Amino acid sequence: MSTLWLNPATGISGDMLLGALLDLGAPLDGVRAAVAATGLTGWGLDVEQVTRGVLRATRAVVTVTDTATERHASQLLEMIALAHPAPVAALAARAVTAIATVEAALHGAPVASVHLHEIGGHDTVVDTVGVAAALHLLGVTEVVCGPLAMGSGTIRTSHGVLPLPAPATAALLARAGATVAPSDIAGETVTPTGIALLLAADARFGPLPAVTVTGAGYGAGGRDVPDRPNVLQALLGERSGQLQELLLLETNVDDVTGEVLGHLLGLLLTAGAADAWITPIVMKKGRPAHTVHVLVDAAGAAACERIVLAETGTLGIRRTPVQRHALPRETSTVTVGGHEIRLKHGPHGVKPEHDDVAAAAAALDLPLREVAAQARRAGSRTP
């Protein structure tokens, strides 16, 4: 598993993230090729080495000869859809869609027709597709981000002077479940494109995980700030697995029907349990019964306990601390007969999502095993 950890001590923007990834070694020609595939004209992407404070950093320089700065979201998405390979286009599209969705909610407009102002220019296509391509070329499978430094004050926009964080940024922070920290830096430090790219990459927020560091890079911000380098630090690392501290919740029941137990498992998994299962047992006086098992992290244990107590009527639940060695995994999506099927990739194979396979098999009138086999073959060819 290739992990990217970001340290946004002075914030994050699309060009800072792109600069950090290029500094890590993402090939500039490969990034340019992905953007060129969109059919975008009147743009350029170069890098320059700059000094921010006492640190050398890479600045991604996007030049645009097209003077239009406002477009409908649908126009940007049409361009982005042409990027290749497909995972690059998908990630970039998720970022722009996230921005369009929050802008639509803020202004009461349909998502497809929402008018993007400051982020509606060609440079947004370059930033989103460029970052997506760089992540793909570096083989990043996991993104972890430290607390986002939030600047203070106001920002002047096409809608007038607005407080920071800007409304679109604030909405995206909430969608991403971002961890933020106050900063004494004046002005905007986190841009909508920056947080949207984190959201699109399924970034989680937390400290640097246990990894073997394989690279370090710095993406330069566009301005100098007092007392500190205005850079986005990025570390690239590898890990073969992760030891997780979990809780095993258990209770024995002898008066709950199979239908209720089956329903209970679905509720627990939806509530965030890592796993849930039932085993048959024999209790005192030879009574047939079942043990309900729930594997969950400490944060979700209370919610799962409430569900078990309410659905089964049991009078007690046992808690046992356990450790789980979780191997690295990633997900992708393939298409079989026009139907999307999610795949889970691990070190020793790939597994299609059963619900997706079943839905596709029913729609295509094909055996379940045949659709699953086609999905696995398509997954093995996914770039």
Protein backbone atom coordinates (compact mmCIF):
# COMPACT_ATOMS: atom_id res chain seq x y z
CA MET A 1 0.00 0.00 0.00
CA SER A 2 1.40 3.38 -1.04
CA THR A 3 0.41 6.03 1.48
CA LEU A 4 0.53 9.78 0.91
CA TRP A 5 0.62 11.86 4.09
CA LEU A 6 0.07 15.61 3.86
CA ASN A 7 1.06 18.21 6.42
CA PRO A 8 -0.95 21.36 5.57
CA ALA A 9 0.64 23.54 8.26
CA THR A 10 -0.05 26.63 6.14
CA GLY A 11 -3.08 25.27 4.29
CA ILE A 12 -3.75 23.55 1.00
CA SER A 13 -4.77 24.51 -2.53
CA GLY A 14 -4.94 22.67 -5.81
CA ASP A 15 -1.63 24.08 -7.07
CA MET A 16 0.15 23.44 -3.73
CA LEU A 17 -0.95 19.80 -3.83
CA LEU A 18 0.08 19.47 -7.48
CA GLY A 19 3.46 21.03 -6.71
CA ALA A 20 4.03 18.64 -3.79
CA LEU A 21 3.21 15.60 -5.93
CA LEU A 22 5.52 16.77 -8.72
CA ASP A 23 8.23 17.35 -6.11
CA LEU A 24 7.72 13.75 -4.95
CA GLY A 25 8.58 12.58 -8.45
CA ALA A 26 5.33 12.45 -10.41
CA PRO A 27 6.48 12.83 -14.05
CA LEU A 28 5.55 16.22 -15.47
CA ASP A 29 5.13 14.83 -19.00
CA GLY A 30 2.66 12.21 -17.73
CA VAL A 31 0.63 14.85 -15.91
CA ARG A 32 0.61 17.07 -18.99
CA ALA A 33 -0.55 14.15 -21.16
CA ALA A 34 -3.51 13.46 -18.88
CA VAL A 35 -4.60 17.11 -19.05
CA ALA A 36 -4.05 17.25 -22.83
CA ALA A 37 -6.40 14.28 -23.25
CA THR A 38 -9.29 16.50 -22.10
CA GLY A 39 -8.99 18.53 -25.31
CA LEU A 40 -8.33 21.67 -23.28
CA THR A 41 -6.61 24.42 -25.26
CA GLY A 42 -4.82 27.59 -24.28
CA TRP A 43 -3.02 26.27 -21.21
CA GLY A 44 0.45 25.38 -20.01
CA LEU A 45 1.87 23.59 -16.98
CA ASP A 46 5.45 24.08 -15.81
CA VAL A 47 7.34 23.80 -12.55
CA GLU A 48 9.79 26.16 -10.91
CA GLN A 49 11.98 25.76 -7.88
CA VAL A 50 11.33 28.51 -5.35
CA THR A 51 12.25 29.30 -1.77
CA ARG A 52 9.56 29.73 0.84
CA GLY A 53 11.09 30.82 4.12
CA VAL A 54 14.11 28.57 4.54
CA LEU A 55 12.78 25.70 2.42
CA ARG A 56 13.16 24.88 -1.26
CA ALA A 57 9.84 23.88 -2.79
CA THR A 58 8.28 23.11 -6.16
CA ARG A 59 5.70 25.49 -7.50
CA ALA A 60 3.24 24.26 -10.12
CA VAL A 61 2.83 27.11 -12.61
CA VAL A 62 -0.38 27.00 -14.62
CA THR A 63 -0.62 29.48 -17.47
CA VAL A 64 -3.90 30.09 -19.25
CA THR A 65 -4.40 32.21 -22.36
CA ASP A 66 -8.17 31.67 -22.28
CA THR A 67 -9.55 34.69 -20.43
CA ALA A 68 -12.85 33.08 -19.37
CA THR A 69 -12.96 32.55 -15.59
CA GLU A 70 -16.62 31.51 -15.28
CA ARG A 71 -18.22 28.34 -16.66
CA HIS A 72 -21.04 25.99 -15.85
CA ALA A 73 -20.00 22.90 -13.94
CA SER A 74 -21.28 20.73 -16.80
CA GLN A 75 -18.74 22.34 -19.16
CA LEU A 76 -15.83 21.48 -16.89
CA LEU A 77 -17.11 17.94 -16.37
CA GLU A 78 -17.41 17.37 -20.11
CA MET A 79 -13.74 18.22 -20.51
CA ILE A 80 -12.61 16.19 -17.52
CA ALA A 81 -14.49 13.10 -18.71
CA LEU A 82 -12.06 12.87 -21.64
CA ALA A 83 -8.99 12.55 -19.42
CA HIS A 84 -7.23 9.20 -19.33
CA PRO A 85 -6.75 6.72 -17.85
CA ALA A 86 -10.27 6.32 -16.48
CA PRO A 87 -9.35 6.49 -12.75
CA VAL A 88 -7.80 9.91 -13.35
CA ALA A 89 -10.95 11.25 -14.98
CA ALA A 90 -13.09 9.74 -12.22
CA LEU A 91 -11.15 11.37 -9.37
CA ALA A 92 -11.03 14.76 -11.06
CA ALA A 93 -14.76 14.56 -11.83
CA ARG A 94 -15.52 13.75 -8.17
CA ALA A 95 -13.64 16.88 -7.11
CA VAL A 96 -15.46 19.21 -9.51
CA THR A 97 -18.80 17.54 -8.76
CA ALA A 98 -18.25 18.10 -5.03
CA ILE A 99 -17.59 21.80 -5.64
CA ALA A 100 -20.63 22.10 -7.91
CA THR A 101 -22.85 20.31 -5.39
CA VAL A 102 -22.04 22.68 -2.53
CA GLU A 103 -22.28 25.73 -4.80
CA ALA A 104 -25.68 24.56 -5.99
CA ALA A 105 -26.88 24.14 -2.41
CA LEU A 106 -25.59 27.59 -1.47
CA HIS A 107 -27.27 29.32 -4.40
CA GLY A 108 -30.37 27.16 -4.84
CA ALA A 109 -29.49 26.08 -8.39
CA PRO A 110 -29.39 22.69 -10.14
CA VAL A 111 -25.98 21.04 -9.94
CA ALA A 112 -25.58 20.62 -13.72
CA SER A 113 -26.27 24.28 -14.45
CA VAL A 114 -24.59 25.90 -11.43
CA HIS A 115 -22.33 28.73 -12.54
CA LEU A 116 -18.80 28.51 -11.16
CA HIS A 117 -17.06 31.82 -10.76
CA GLU A 118 -13.51 32.01 -9.34
CA ILE A 119 -13.04 28.24 -9.87
CA GLY A 120 -14.66 28.08 -13.31
CA GLY A 121 -11.51 28.71 -15.33
CA HIS A 122 -9.27 26.35 -17.28
CA ASP A 123 -6.81 26.24 -14.37
CA THR A 124 -9.37 24.24 -12.37
CA VAL A 125 -9.27 21.52 -15.05
CA VAL A 126 -5.47 21.55 -14.96
CA ASP A 127 -5.36 21.40 -11.15
CA THR A 128 -7.93 18.62 -10.71
CA VAL A 129 -6.83 16.43 -13.61
CA GLY A 130 -3.18 17.15 -12.84
CA VAL A 131 -3.47 16.09 -9.20
CA ALA A 132 -5.50 13.01 -10.14
CA ALA A 133 -2.88 12.03 -12.72
CA ALA A 134 0.00 12.61 -10.30
CA LEU A 135 -1.62 10.43 -7.65
CA HIS A 136 -2.16 7.71 -10.24
CA LEU A 137 1.39 7.92 -11.59
CA LEU A 138 2.86 7.74 -8.08
CA GLY A 139 0.72 4.68 -7.32
CA VAL A 140 -0.92 6.30 -4.29
CA THR A 141 -3.59 4.05 -2.77
CA GLU A 142 -4.25 5.95 0.47
CA VAL A 143 -4.24 9.64 1.40
CA VAL A 144 -3.95 10.80 5.01
CA CYS A 145 -3.99 14.49 5.92
CA GLY A 146 -3.01 16.34 9.07
CA PRO A 147 -5.08 19.24 10.49
CA LEU A 148 -5.79 21.97 7.97
CA ALA A 149 -4.48 25.37 9.06
CA MET A 150 -7.37 27.81 8.69
CA GLY A 151 -6.53 31.44 7.98
CA SER A 152 -8.61 34.31 9.27
CA GLY A 153 -10.23 37.41 7.86
CA THR A 154 -12.29 37.90 4.71
CA ILE A 155 -12.01 37.24 0.99
CA ARG A 156 -13.30 39.30 -1.91
CA THR A 157 -15.34 37.25 -4.41
CA SER A 158 -17.77 37.85 -7.24
CA HIS A 159 -20.49 37.72 -4.55
CA GLY A 160 -18.80 40.44 -2.49
CA VAL A 161 -16.67 40.27 0.64
CA LEU A 162 -17.17 37.00 2.51
CA PRO A 163 -15.82 35.68 5.81
CA LEU A 164 -13.21 32.92 5.86
CA PRO A 165 -13.47 30.08 5.36
CA ALA A 166 -15.44 30.87 2.22
CA PRO A 167 -18.92 29.30 2.22
CA ALA A 168 -18.07 26.68 -0.41
CA THR A 169 -14.90 25.75 1.48
CA ALA A 170 -16.79 25.47 4.75
CA ALA A 171 -19.38 23.17 3.18
CA LEU A 172 -16.68 20.97 1.65
CA LEU A 173 -14.86 20.76 4.98
CA ALA A 174 -18.07 19.44 6.55
CA ARG A 175 -18.59 16.90 3.75
CA ALA A 176 -15.03 15.65 4.11
CA GLY A 177 -15.20 15.45 7.90
CA ALA A 178 -11.98 17.46 7.88
CA THR A 179 -9.86 18.15 10.94
CA VAL A 180 -8.97 21.84 11.12
CA ALA A 181 -6.81 24.00 13.36
CA PRO A 182 -6.81 27.78 13.81
CA SER A 183 -3.92 29.71 12.29
CA ASP A 184 -2.72 33.25 12.75
CA ILE A 185 -2.09 33.52 9.00
CA ALA A 186 -4.21 36.30 7.50
CA GLY A 187 -6.20 35.43 4.41
CA GLU A 188 -7.37 32.28 2.66
CA THR A 189 -5.25 29.20 3.38
CA VAL A 190 -7.63 26.42 2.30
CA THR A 191 -9.26 26.71 -1.13
CA PRO A 192 -12.34 24.88 -2.42
CA THR A 193 -10.23 23.03 -4.99
CA GLY A 194 -7.77 21.89 -2.34
CA ILE A 195 -10.37 20.41 0.00
CA ALA A 196 -12.43 19.02 -2.91
CA LEU A 197 -9.40 17.04 -4.11
CA LEU A 198 -8.93 15.59 -0.63
CA LEU A 199 -12.61 14.63 -0.59
CA ALA A 200 -12.37 13.06 -4.06
CA ALA A 201 -9.31 11.04 -3.02
CA ASP A 202 -11.19 9.66 0.04
CA ALA A 203 -8.58 11.23 2.29
CA ARG A 204 -8.87 10.57 5.99
CA PHE A 205 -7.62 12.98 8.60
CA GLY A 206 -5.13 11.95 11.24
CA PRO A 207 -1.48 11.70 12.22
CA LEU A 208 1.26 10.19 10.11
CA PRO A 209 0.61 6.42 10.00
CA ALA A 210 3.33 3.83 10.51
CA VAL A 211 5.02 3.62 7.10
CA THR A 212 8.43 3.15 5.55
CA VAL A 213 9.09 6.58 4.03
CA THR A 214 10.10 6.42 0.39
CA GLY A 215 9.92 10.09 -0.60
CA ALA A 216 9.43 13.64 0.65
CA GLY A 217 8.25 16.68 -1.27
CA TYR A 218 7.18 20.29 -0.78
CA GLY A 219 4.58 22.16 -2.80
CA ALA A 220 4.93 25.94 -2.74
CA GLY A 221 2.12 28.33 -2.02
CA GLY A 222 1.78 31.42 -4.17
CA ARG A 223 2.88 33.90 -1.50
CA ASP A 224 5.30 34.25 1.38
CA VAL A 225 3.90 34.34 4.91
CA PRO A 226 5.71 35.69 7.97
CA ASP A 227 7.72 33.42 10.28
CA ARG A 228 7.22 30.13 8.40
CA PRO A 229 7.57 28.49 4.98
CA ASN A 230 4.32 28.57 3.02
CA VAL A 231 4.59 24.99 1.77
CA LEU A 232 2.56 21.80 1.75
CA GLN A 233 4.74 18.97 3.02
CA ALA A 234 4.09 15.54 1.51
CA LEU A 235 5.55 12.19 2.53
CA LEU A 236 5.21 9.03 0.48
CA GLY A 237 5.46 5.71 2.30
CA GLU A 238 4.77 2.01 2.06
CA ARG A 239 3.12 -0.30 4.56
CA SER A 240 2.39 -3.99 4.26
CA GLY A 241 -0.45 -4.06 6.72
CA GLN A 242 -1.95 -2.42 9.77
CA LEU A 243 -2.50 -3.70 13.30
CA GLN A 244 -5.88 -2.43 14.46
CA GLU A 245 -7.17 -2.26 18.02
CA LEU A 246 -10.83 -3.36 18.01
CA LEU A 247 -13.50 -4.60 20.39
CA LEU A 248 -15.34 -7.91 20.10
CA LEU A 249 -18.91 -7.57 21.40
CA GLU A 250 -20.78 -10.81 22.17
CA THR A 251 -24.06 -11.91 23.65
CA ASN A 252 -25.96 -15.24 23.81
CA VAL A 253 -29.66 -15.33 22.90
CA ASP A 254 -32.09 -18.24 22.88
CA ASP A 255 -35.38 -16.50 22.11
CA VAL A 256 -34.65 -14.51 18.94
CA THR A 257 -35.84 -15.68 15.53
CA GLY A 258 -33.56 -16.17 12.55
CA GLU A 259 -35.31 -13.37 10.70
CA VAL A 260 -34.51 -10.90 13.48
CA LEU A 261 -30.90 -12.07 13.66
CA GLY A 262 -30.45 -11.62 9.91
CA HIS A 263 -31.94 -8.13 10.13
CA LEU A 264 -29.64 -7.36 13.07
CA LEU A 265 -26.49 -8.13 11.05
CA GLY A 266 -27.49 -5.64 8.38
CA LEU A 267 -28.15 -2.93 10.96
CA LEU A 268 -24.76 -3.49 12.62
CA LEU A 269 -22.79 -3.33 9.38
CA THR A 270 -24.64 -0.18 8.34
CA ALA A 271 -23.81 1.34 11.73
CA GLY A 272 -20.10 0.91 11.07
CA ALA A 273 -19.17 -2.50 12.48
CA ALA A 274 -16.06 -3.94 10.87
CA ASP A 275 -17.79 -7.33 10.85
CA ALA A 276 -20.78 -9.08 12.43
CA TRP A 277 -21.78 -12.74 12.47
CA ILE A 278 -23.92 -15.36 14.25
CA THR A 279 -22.86 -18.79 15.53
CA PRO A 280 -25.19 -21.57 16.80
CA ILE A 281 -24.58 -22.82 20.35
CA VAL A 282 -26.25 -25.06 22.96
CA MET A 283 -27.07 -23.40 26.27
CA LYS A 284 -28.06 -24.87 29.64
CA LYS A 285 -30.80 -27.49 29.69
CA GLY A 286 -29.92 -28.30 26.06
CA ARG A 287 -31.59 -25.19 24.67
CA PRO A 288 -30.51 -24.31 21.09
CA ALA A 289 -29.32 -20.70 20.93
CA HIS A 290 -27.07 -18.27 19.08
CA THR A 291 -24.12 -16.03 19.89
CA VAL A 292 -24.11 -12.61 18.27
CA HIS A 293 -20.56 -11.39 17.49
CA VAL A 294 -19.70 -7.81 16.54
CA LEU A 295 -16.22 -6.54 15.63
CA VAL A 296 -16.04 -2.77 15.94
CA ASP A 297 -13.66 0.04 16.87
CA ALA A 298 -13.97 1.82 20.21
CA ALA A 299 -15.69 4.86 18.65
CA GLY A 300 -18.53 2.76 17.24
CA ALA A 301 -18.95 0.27 20.08
CA ALA A 302 -21.65 2.14 22.00
CA ALA A 303 -23.87 2.54 18.92
CA CYS A 304 -23.55 -1.18 18.06
CA GLU A 305 -24.35 -2.17 21.64
CA ARG A 306 -27.52 -0.07 21.58
CA ILE A 307 -28.63 -1.83 18.40
CA VAL A 308 -28.00 -5.32 19.81
CA LEU A 309 -29.80 -4.51 23.07
CA ALA A 310 -32.81 -2.98 21.31
CA GLU A 311 -33.21 -5.67 18.64
CA THR A 312 -32.58 -8.80 20.74
CA GLY A 313 -33.75 -7.79 24.21
CA THR A 314 -30.60 -9.33 25.72
CA LEU A 315 -29.67 -8.20 29.23
CA GLY A 316 -25.91 -7.94 28.78
CA ILE A 317 -23.05 -7.74 26.28
CA ARG A 318 -19.47 -8.90 26.74
CA ARG A 319 -16.58 -6.71 25.57
CA THR A 320 -13.19 -8.22 24.66
CA PRO A 321 -10.26 -6.15 23.29
CA VAL A 322 -8.82 -7.80 20.17
CA GLN A 323 -6.21 -6.97 17.56
CA ARG A 324 -6.76 -7.39 13.83
CA HIS A 325 -3.95 -7.43 11.30
CA ALA A 326 -5.51 -5.75 8.27
CA LEU A 327 -3.77 -6.19 4.93
CA PRO A 328 -3.73 -3.25 2.51
CA ARG A 329 -6.71 -2.99 0.22
CA GLU A 330 -8.14 -0.63 -2.35
CA THR A 331 -11.33 -0.41 -4.35
CA SER A 332 -12.11 0.18 -8.00
CA THR A 333 -15.15 0.04 -10.25
CA VAL A 334 -15.55 -1.88 -13.51
CA THR A 335 -18.43 -2.16 -15.94
CA VAL A 336 -20.00 -5.45 -16.99
CA GLY A 337 -22.72 -5.24 -19.61
CA GLY A 338 -23.27 -1.58 -18.79
CA HIS A 339 -23.59 -2.19 -15.04
CA GLU A 340 -21.06 -0.86 -12.54
CA ILE A 341 -19.52 -3.40 -10.14
CA ARG A 342 -17.27 -2.45 -7.25
CA LEU A 343 -14.15 -4.52 -6.67
CA LYS A 344 -12.03 -4.92 -3.55
CA HIS A 345 -8.34 -5.52 -4.31
CA GLY A 346 -6.02 -7.16 -1.79
CA PRO A 347 -2.47 -8.52 -1.96
CA HIS A 348 -3.76 -11.99 -2.85
CA GLY A 349 -6.65 -11.37 -5.19
CA VAL A 350 -9.69 -9.34 -6.16
CA LYS A 351 -13.30 -9.79 -5.00
CA PRO A 352 -16.39 -8.28 -6.66
CA GLU A 353 -19.06 -6.74 -4.42
CA HIS A 354 -21.81 -9.36 -4.16
CA ASP A 355 -24.76 -6.94 -4.22
CA ASP A 356 -23.46 -5.31 -7.42
CA VAL A 357 -22.87 -8.70 -9.06
CA ALA A 358 -26.34 -9.90 -8.10
CA ALA A 359 -28.00 -6.77 -9.49
CA ALA A 360 -26.06 -7.02 -12.76
CA ALA A 361 -26.75 -10.75 -13.10
CA ALA A 362 -30.48 -10.19 -12.66
CA ALA A 363 -30.55 -7.33 -15.16
CA LEU A 364 -28.47 -9.23 -17.74
CA ASP A 365 -30.18 -12.58 -17.14
CA LEU A 366 -26.79 -14.25 -16.60
CA PRO A 367 -25.55 -16.65 -13.92
CA LEU A 368 -24.06 -14.97 -10.87
CA ARG A 369 -20.72 -16.78 -11.26
CA GLU A 370 -20.36 -15.62 -14.89
CA VAL A 371 -20.87 -11.96 -14.03
CA ALA A 372 -18.44 -12.29 -11.11
CA ALA A 373 -15.83 -13.85 -13.39
CA GLN A 374 -16.22 -11.06 -15.95
CA ALA A 375 -15.83 -8.46 -13.20
CA ARG A 376 -12.64 -10.11 -11.93
CA ARG A 377 -11.19 -10.23 -15.44
CA ALA A 378 -12.04 -6.57 -16.02
CA GLY A 379 -10.49 -5.71 -12.66
CA SER A 380 -7.23 -7.38 -13.57
CA ARG A 381 -7.00 -5.10 -16.63
CA THR A 382 -7.81 -1.88 -14.75
CA PRO A 383 -4.86 0.50 -15.18
